[in-house]
Amino acid sequence: MSVGHTGVTTEPVVSCGDEHEDCGIREVLDRIGDKWSVLVVVELAQGVRRFRQLQRAVPGISQRMLTLTVRRLERDGLVTRTVHPMVPPQVEYELTAMGHSLTYLVKALTDWSAEHRDAIAQARQEWDAAYPDSGIR
């Protein structure tokens, strides 16, 4: 445990023991931290969705990217895919219990973002003023 520059006691969020050890979490964090997976999980938290419903609910996602995203989430055990034998086949997606457990973490991150939005905007303005030629925006 250490005290950060703000005077708040901090604990490391993740520690593998060895600074070069992967811990086996990088691949998982890469999946749940990508742009589309979180948005698909948020939409599926509302209930079962068909492919086209998901595509309409996630602005900007292409058919190919949605297909890859739901397949990866299914592979990781976060989503189930049900095919109903109709013509044409109807495919539905839904979160598994493990997928639903992820929604609590997404909600916590959303709450944190809302709580710190103004402070982050202020920090960005100050940084941009101090480094106008950085090219970072």
C-alpha atoms as a PDB file:
ATOM      1  CA  MET A   1       0.000   0.000   0.000  1.00  0.00           C
ATOM      2  CA  SER A   2       1.243   3.484  -0.845  1.00  0.00           C
ATOM      3  CA  VAL A   3       0.030   7.037  -0.653  1.00  0.00           C
ATOM      4  CA  GLY A   4      -0.478   8.707  -4.028  1.00  0.00           C
ATOM      5  CA  HIS A   5       0.240  12.344  -4.853  1.00  0.00           C
ATOM      6  CA  THR A   6      -3.342  13.246  -3.925  1.00  0.00           C
ATOM      7  CA  GLY A   7      -2.870  11.889  -0.405  1.00  0.00           C
ATOM      8  CA  VAL A   8      -5.221   8.990  -1.081  1.00  0.00           C
ATOM      9  CA  THR A   9      -4.092   5.517  -0.105  1.00  0.00           C
ATOM     10  CA  THR A  10      -3.667   3.415  -3.216  1.00  0.00           C
ATOM     11  CA  GLU A  11      -3.378  -0.290  -3.793  1.00  0.00           C
ATOM     12  CA  PRO A  12      -2.212  -1.831  -7.040  1.00  0.00           C
ATOM     13  CA  VAL A  13      -5.228  -2.928  -9.061  1.00  0.00           C
ATOM     14  CA  VAL A  14      -3.436  -5.978 -10.447  1.00  0.00           C
ATOM     15  CA  SER A  15      -0.195  -7.510  -9.357  1.00  0.00           C
ATOM     16  CA  CYS A  16       1.215 -10.668 -10.864  1.00  0.00           C
ATOM     17  CA  GLY A  17       4.212 -10.758  -8.597  1.00  0.00           C
ATOM     18  CA  ASP A  18       6.696 -10.531 -11.466  1.00  0.00           C
ATOM     19  CA  GLU A  19       6.471  -7.288 -13.448  1.00  0.00           C
ATOM     20  CA  HIS A  20       7.069  -9.195 -16.698  1.00  0.00           C
ATOM     21  CA  GLU A  21       4.489 -11.917 -16.045  1.00  0.00           C
ATOM     22  CA  ASP A  22       1.300 -11.787 -18.132  1.00  0.00           C
ATOM     23  CA  CYS A  23      -1.038 -13.131 -15.404  1.00  0.00           C
ATOM     24  CA  GLY A  24      -3.257 -14.531 -18.142  1.00  0.00           C
ATOM     25  CA  ILE A  25      -5.442 -11.439 -18.115  1.00  0.00           C
ATOM     26  CA  ARG A  26      -4.182  -9.475 -21.099  1.00  0.00           C
ATOM     27  CA  GLU A  27      -6.239 -11.443 -23.616  1.00  0.00           C
ATOM     28  CA  VAL A  28      -9.374 -11.067 -21.487  1.00  0.00           C
ATOM     29  CA  LEU A  29      -8.816  -7.335 -21.004  1.00  0.00           C
ATOM     30  CA  ASP A  30      -8.173  -6.922 -24.722  1.00  0.00           C
ATOM     31  CA  ARG A  31     -11.572  -8.503 -25.417  1.00  0.00           C
ATOM     32  CA  ILE A  32     -13.707  -6.663 -22.892  1.00  0.00           C
ATOM     33  CA  GLY A  33     -11.819  -3.432 -23.405  1.00  0.00           C
ATOM     34  CA  ASP A  34     -12.310  -3.188 -27.135  1.00  0.00           C
ATOM     35  CA  LYS A  35     -14.650  -0.601 -28.589  1.00  0.00           C
ATOM     36  CA  TRP A  36     -17.393  -2.920 -29.838  1.00  0.00           C
ATOM     37  CA  SER A  37     -17.545  -5.636 -27.178  1.00  0.00           C
ATOM     38  CA  VAL A  38     -18.560  -3.270 -24.405  1.00  0.00           C
ATOM     39  CA  LEU A  39     -21.273  -1.698 -26.563  1.00  0.00           C
ATOM     40  CA  VAL A  40     -22.657  -5.118 -27.527  1.00  0.00           C
ATOM     41  CA  VAL A  41     -22.623  -6.265 -23.892  1.00  0.00           C
ATOM     42  CA  VAL A  42     -24.431  -3.080 -22.834  1.00  0.00           C
ATOM     43  CA  GLU A  43     -27.116  -3.695 -25.459  1.00  0.00           C
ATOM     44  CA  LEU A  44     -27.492  -7.387 -24.571  1.00  0.00           C
ATOM     45  CA  ALA A  45     -27.860  -6.422 -20.905  1.00  0.00           C
ATOM     46  CA  GLN A  46     -31.305  -5.168 -21.962  1.00  0.00           C
ATOM     47  CA  GLY A  47     -32.299  -8.670 -23.092  1.00  0.00           C
ATOM     48  CA  VAL A  48     -32.212 -11.081 -26.015  1.00  0.00           C
ATOM     49  CA  ARG A  49     -31.459  -9.434 -29.357  1.00  0.00           C
ATOM     50  CA  ARG A  50     -31.451 -10.592 -32.960  1.00  0.00           C
ATOM     51  CA  PHE A  51     -28.463  -9.739 -35.131  1.00  0.00           C
ATOM     52  CA  ARG A  52     -30.122  -6.833 -36.955  1.00  0.00           C
ATOM     53  CA  GLN A  53     -31.432  -5.422 -33.662  1.00  0.00           C
ATOM     54  CA  LEU A  54     -27.875  -5.412 -32.338  1.00  0.00           C
ATOM     55  CA  GLN A  55     -26.583  -3.810 -35.510  1.00  0.00           C
ATOM     56  CA  ARG A  56     -29.143  -1.005 -35.303  1.00  0.00           C
ATOM     57  CA  ALA A  57     -28.490  -0.495 -31.578  1.00  0.00           C
ATOM     58  CA  VAL A  58     -24.704  -0.142 -31.926  1.00  0.00           C
ATOM     59  CA  PRO A  59     -24.128   2.901 -34.169  1.00  0.00           C
ATOM     60  CA  GLY A  60     -21.218   2.646 -36.547  1.00  0.00           C
ATOM     61  CA  ILE A  61     -20.606  -1.091 -36.288  1.00  0.00           C
ATOM     62  CA  SER A  62     -20.325  -2.896 -39.599  1.00  0.00           C
ATOM     63  CA  GLN A  63     -21.934  -6.269 -40.232  1.00  0.00           C
ATOM     64  CA  ARG A  64     -18.509  -7.904 -40.362  1.00  0.00           C
ATOM     65  CA  MET A  65     -17.344  -6.308 -37.097  1.00  0.00           C
ATOM     66  CA  LEU A  66     -20.571  -7.256 -35.322  1.00  0.00           C
ATOM     67  CA  THR A  67     -20.202 -10.830 -36.560  1.00  0.00           C
ATOM     68  CA  LEU A  68     -16.615 -10.987 -35.257  1.00  0.00           C
ATOM     69  CA  THR A  69     -17.566  -9.347 -31.973  1.00  0.00           C
ATOM     70  CA  VAL A  70     -20.454 -11.674 -31.125  1.00  0.00           C
ATOM     71  CA  ARG A  71     -18.408 -14.719 -32.166  1.00  0.00           C
ATOM     72  CA  ARG A  72     -15.552 -13.671 -29.897  1.00  0.00           C
ATOM     73  CA  LEU A  73     -17.926 -12.961 -27.014  1.00  0.00           C
ATOM     74  CA  GLU A  74     -19.536 -16.358 -27.591  1.00  0.00           C
ATOM     75  CA  ARG A  75     -16.125 -18.042 -27.672  1.00  0.00           C
ATOM     76  CA  ASP A  76     -15.252 -16.357 -24.375  1.00  0.00           C
ATOM     77  CA  GLY A  77     -18.465 -17.630 -22.765  1.00  0.00           C
ATOM     78  CA  LEU A  78     -20.067 -14.204 -22.380  1.00  0.00           C
ATOM     79  CA  VAL A  79     -22.793 -14.618 -25.015  1.00  0.00           C
ATOM     80  CA  THR A  80     -24.942 -17.484 -26.232  1.00  0.00           C
ATOM     81  CA  ARG A  81     -26.180 -17.770 -29.795  1.00  0.00           C
ATOM     82  CA  THR A  82     -29.453 -19.537 -30.529  1.00  0.00           C
ATOM     83  CA  VAL A  83     -30.478 -20.423 -34.076  1.00  0.00           C
ATOM     84  CA  HIS A  84     -34.200 -20.979 -34.616  1.00  0.00           C
ATOM     85  CA  PRO A  85     -34.892 -23.274 -37.595  1.00  0.00           C
ATOM     86  CA  MET A  86     -36.984 -20.993 -39.768  1.00  0.00           C
ATOM     87  CA  VAL A  87     -36.692 -19.726 -43.297  1.00  0.00           C
ATOM     88  CA  PRO A  88     -34.644 -17.632 -43.145  1.00  0.00           C
ATOM     89  CA  PRO A  89     -33.041 -18.827 -39.883  1.00  0.00           C
ATOM     90  CA  GLN A  90     -33.566 -16.518 -36.927  1.00  0.00           C
ATOM     91  CA  VAL A  91     -30.490 -16.022 -34.752  1.00  0.00           C
ATOM     92  CA  GLU A  92     -30.696 -14.573 -31.238  1.00  0.00           C
ATOM     93  CA  TYR A  93     -27.948 -13.505 -28.877  1.00  0.00           C
ATOM     94  CA  GLU A  94     -28.096 -13.253 -25.127  1.00  0.00           C
ATOM     95  CA  LEU A  95     -25.676 -12.734 -22.261  1.00  0.00           C
ATOM     96  CA  THR A  96     -24.657 -15.733 -20.191  1.00  0.00           C
ATOM     97  CA  ALA A  97     -24.486 -15.499 -16.400  1.00  0.00           C
ATOM     98  CA  MET A  98     -20.812 -14.599 -16.751  1.00  0.00           C
ATOM     99  CA  GLY A  99     -21.715 -11.955 -19.357  1.00  0.00           C
ATOM    100  CA  HIS A 100     -24.282 -10.470 -16.986  1.00  0.00           C
ATOM    101  CA  SER A 101     -21.662 -10.309 -14.226  1.00  0.00           C
ATOM    102  CA  LEU A 102     -19.580  -8.096 -16.536  1.00  0.00           C
ATOM    103  CA  THR A 103     -22.407  -5.548 -16.718  1.00  0.00           C
ATOM    104  CA  TYR A 104     -21.818  -4.619 -13.065  1.00  0.00           C
ATOM    105  CA  LEU A 105     -18.234  -3.664 -13.902  1.00  0.00           C
ATOM    106  CA  VAL A 106     -19.351  -1.696 -16.954  1.00  0.00           C
ATOM    107  CA  LYS A 107     -21.881   0.125 -14.762  1.00  0.00           C
ATOM    108  CA  ALA A 108     -19.139   0.942 -12.233  1.00  0.00           C
ATOM    109  CA  LEU A 109     -16.948   2.317 -15.031  1.00  0.00           C
ATOM    110  CA  THR A 110     -19.872   4.345 -16.376  1.00  0.00           C
ATOM    111  CA  ASP A 111     -20.517   5.796 -12.914  1.00  0.00           C
ATOM    112  CA  TRP A 112     -16.816   6.618 -12.486  1.00  0.00           C
ATOM    113  CA  SER A 113     -16.768   8.308 -15.907  1.00  0.00           C
ATOM    114  CA  ALA A 114     -19.800  10.438 -15.082  1.00  0.00           C
ATOM    115  CA  GLU A 115     -18.337  11.401 -11.705  1.00  0.00           C
ATOM    116  CA  HIS A 116     -14.995  12.467 -13.202  1.00  0.00           C
ATOM    117  CA  ARG A 117     -16.129  13.825 -16.586  1.00  0.00           C
ATOM    118  CA  ASP A 118     -15.765  17.497 -15.607  1.00  0.00           C
ATOM    119  CA  ALA A 119     -12.372  16.993 -13.954  1.00  0.00           C
ATOM    120  CA  ILE A 120     -11.092  15.130 -17.006  1.00  0.00           C
ATOM    121  CA  ALA A 121     -12.355  17.880 -19.331  1.00  0.00           C
ATOM    122  CA  GLN A 122     -10.580  20.478 -17.173  1.00  0.00           C
ATOM    123  CA  ALA A 123      -7.341  18.461 -17.115  1.00  0.00           C
ATOM    124  CA  ARG A 124      -7.482  18.123 -20.916  1.00  0.00           C
ATOM    125  CA  GLN A 125      -7.974  21.882 -21.375  1.00  0.00           C
ATOM    126  CA  GLU A 126      -5.020  22.614 -19.107  1.00  0.00           C
ATOM    127  CA  TRP A 127      -2.818  20.072 -20.853  1.00  0.00           C
ATOM    128  CA  ASP A 128      -3.806  21.301 -24.322  1.00  0.00           C
ATOM    129  CA  ALA A 129      -3.011  24.889 -23.266  1.00  0.00           C
ATOM    130  CA  ALA A 130       0.396  23.815 -21.931  1.00  0.00           C
ATOM    131  CA  TYR A 131       1.230  21.674 -24.987  1.00  0.00           C
ATOM    132  CA  PRO A 132      -0.549  23.294 -27.971  1.00  0.00           C
ATOM    133  CA  ASP A 133       1.691  21.641 -30.579  1.00  0.00           C
ATOM    134  CA  SER A 134       1.471  18.082 -29.215  1.00  0.00           C
ATOM    135  CA  GLY A 135      -0.927  16.854 -31.883  1.00  0.00           C
ATOM    136  CA  ILE A 136      -2.834  14.880 -29.249  1.00  0.00           C
ATOM    137  CA  ARG A 137      -6.587  15.387 -29.134  1.00  0.00           C
END
